[in-house]
Structure formats: structure tokens, C-alpha cells
Amino acid sequence: MKNINFNMIAFLLVCIAMAVFMPAMAQPPVGPPPNSTPIDGGLSLVIAACAGYGAKRIHDRKKSQQKVN
């Protein structure tokens, strides 16, 4: 029983020490965080793809109307 109490007290002291000293050991951030990924390149590709798809749809629609007439 004595051994279990000693182990429990030692465990609690280690946990408390870790909780107290862990923030002190943390390193501060080095400079500002890096910028987010720019969306300009990806957004331009999406707009170009949508414009191309729209142009293809218009072309196909005109082609199918010419066949009917």
C-alpha cells in the first residue's frame, strides 16, 4: 500500500511538472506565418476552362441547329 501511494504521488508530481514547464519549453514562432496559397493561378484556370466549355456548348448547339434547318 505504501508503494502504491508513493508511485501515485510521484506520477502526479511528474504530471504537474510537465504541465507547468511545457509552455516554457515551447519555442516562439519565427516570424510571420507563411502566406496562404494564392488562388490567382487556379482561379484563372477555372475561368478559362469554363469559358472553353461554354464556347464548345455554343458551337455544338449552333451545329445541331444547322443540321435541323
C-alpha atoms as a PDB file:
ATOM      1  CA  MET A   1       0.000   0.000   0.000  1.00  0.00           C
ATOM      2  CA  LYS A   2       2.853   2.311   0.840  1.00  0.00           C
ATOM      3  CA  ASN A   3       4.473   1.609  -2.534  1.00  0.00           C
ATOM      4  CA  ILE A   4       1.258   2.404  -4.447  1.00  0.00           C
ATOM      5  CA  ASN A   5       0.873   5.758  -2.650  1.00  0.00           C
ATOM      6  CA  PHE A   6       4.486   6.688  -3.394  1.00  0.00           C
ATOM      7  CA  ASN A   7       4.064   5.791  -7.079  1.00  0.00           C
ATOM      8  CA  MET A   8       0.828   7.771  -7.304  1.00  0.00           C
ATOM      9  CA  ILE A   9       2.409  10.848  -5.702  1.00  0.00           C
ATOM     10  CA  ALA A  10       5.455  10.596  -7.959  1.00  0.00           C
ATOM     11  CA  PHE A  11       3.233  10.259 -11.031  1.00  0.00           C
ATOM     12  CA  LEU A  12       1.155  13.287 -10.030  1.00  0.00           C
ATOM     13  CA  LEU A  13       4.275  15.379  -9.403  1.00  0.00           C
ATOM     14  CA  VAL A  14       5.660  14.467 -12.834  1.00  0.00           C
ATOM     15  CA  CYS A  15       2.329  15.371 -14.483  1.00  0.00           C
ATOM     16  CA  ILE A  16       2.191  18.698 -12.670  1.00  0.00           C
ATOM     17  CA  ALA A  17       5.803  19.471 -13.560  1.00  0.00           C
ATOM     18  CA  MET A  18       5.113  18.681 -17.210  1.00  0.00           C
ATOM     19  CA  ALA A  19       2.043  20.916 -17.223  1.00  0.00           C
ATOM     20  CA  VAL A  20       3.956  23.798 -15.624  1.00  0.00           C
ATOM     21  CA  PHE A  21       7.177  23.623 -17.644  1.00  0.00           C
ATOM     22  CA  MET A  22       5.793  22.568 -21.047  1.00  0.00           C
ATOM     23  CA  PRO A  23       4.724  26.107 -22.094  1.00  0.00           C
ATOM     24  CA  ALA A  24       8.141  27.418 -21.028  1.00  0.00           C
ATOM     25  CA  MET A  25       9.872  24.913 -23.313  1.00  0.00           C
ATOM     26  CA  ALA A  26       7.733  25.767 -26.329  1.00  0.00           C
ATOM     27  CA  GLN A  27       9.557  27.769 -28.978  1.00  0.00           C
ATOM     28  CA  PRO A  28       8.087  31.081 -30.080  1.00  0.00           C
ATOM     29  CA  PRO A  29       7.062  31.393 -33.719  1.00  0.00           C
ATOM     30  CA  VAL A  30       9.840  32.504 -36.057  1.00  0.00           C
ATOM     31  CA  GLY A  31       8.493  35.484 -37.975  1.00  0.00           C
ATOM     32  CA  PRO A  32       5.073  35.803 -39.514  1.00  0.00           C
ATOM     33  CA  PRO A  33       3.319  32.684 -40.773  1.00  0.00           C
ATOM     34  CA  PRO A  34       3.707  31.959 -44.482  1.00  0.00           C
ATOM     35  CA  ASN A  35       1.055  33.361 -46.766  1.00  0.00           C
ATOM     36  CA  SER A  36      -1.765  31.187 -47.964  1.00  0.00           C
ATOM     37  CA  THR A  37      -1.632  29.605 -51.360  1.00  0.00           C
ATOM     38  CA  PRO A  38      -2.531  32.218 -53.951  1.00  0.00           C
ATOM     39  CA  ILE A  39      -5.754  31.451 -55.783  1.00  0.00           C
ATOM     40  CA  ASP A  40      -4.970  33.642 -58.786  1.00  0.00           C
ATOM     41  CA  GLY A  41      -3.403  30.899 -60.924  1.00  0.00           C
ATOM     42  CA  GLY A  42      -6.011  28.279 -60.076  1.00  0.00           C
ATOM     43  CA  LEU A  43      -8.877  30.726 -60.448  1.00  0.00           C
ATOM     44  CA  SER A  44      -7.609  31.777 -63.880  1.00  0.00           C
ATOM     45  CA  LEU A  45      -7.501  28.138 -64.984  1.00  0.00           C
ATOM     46  CA  VAL A  46     -11.055  27.518 -63.757  1.00  0.00           C
ATOM     47  CA  ILE A  47     -12.348  30.612 -65.570  1.00  0.00           C
ATOM     48  CA  ALA A  48     -10.529  29.580 -68.773  1.00  0.00           C
ATOM     49  CA  ALA A  49     -11.943  26.052 -68.536  1.00  0.00           C
ATOM     50  CA  CYS A  50     -15.470  27.392 -68.009  1.00  0.00           C
ATOM     51  CA  ALA A  51     -15.109  29.769 -70.962  1.00  0.00           C
ATOM     52  CA  GLY A  52     -13.847  26.929 -73.164  1.00  0.00           C
ATOM     53  CA  TYR A  53     -16.671  24.637 -72.101  1.00  0.00           C
ATOM     54  CA  GLY A  54     -19.219  27.386 -72.742  1.00  0.00           C
ATOM     55  CA  ALA A  55     -17.751  28.067 -76.187  1.00  0.00           C
ATOM     56  CA  LYS A  56     -17.913  24.349 -77.019  1.00  0.00           C
ATOM     57  CA  ARG A  57     -21.551  24.155 -75.911  1.00  0.00           C
ATOM     58  CA  ILE A  58     -22.468  27.180 -78.039  1.00  0.00           C
ATOM     59  CA  HIS A  59     -20.609  25.702 -81.017  1.00  0.00           C
ATOM     60  CA  ASP A  60     -22.342  22.342 -80.630  1.00  0.00           C
ATOM     61  CA  ARG A  61     -25.739  23.999 -80.273  1.00  0.00           C
ATOM     62  CA  LYS A  62     -25.223  26.053 -83.453  1.00  0.00           C
ATOM     63  CA  LYS A  63     -24.017  22.923 -85.263  1.00  0.00           C
ATOM     64  CA  SER A  64     -27.105  20.939 -84.239  1.00  0.00           C
ATOM     65  CA  GLN A  65     -29.422  23.809 -85.289  1.00  0.00           C
ATOM     66  CA  GLN A  66     -27.792  23.929 -88.741  1.00  0.00           C
ATOM     67  CA  LYS A  67     -28.437  20.215 -89.218  1.00  0.00           C
ATOM     68  CA  VAL A  68     -32.133  20.677 -88.400  1.00  0.00           C
ATOM     69  CA  ASN A  69     -32.556  23.526 -90.897  1.00  0.00           C
END
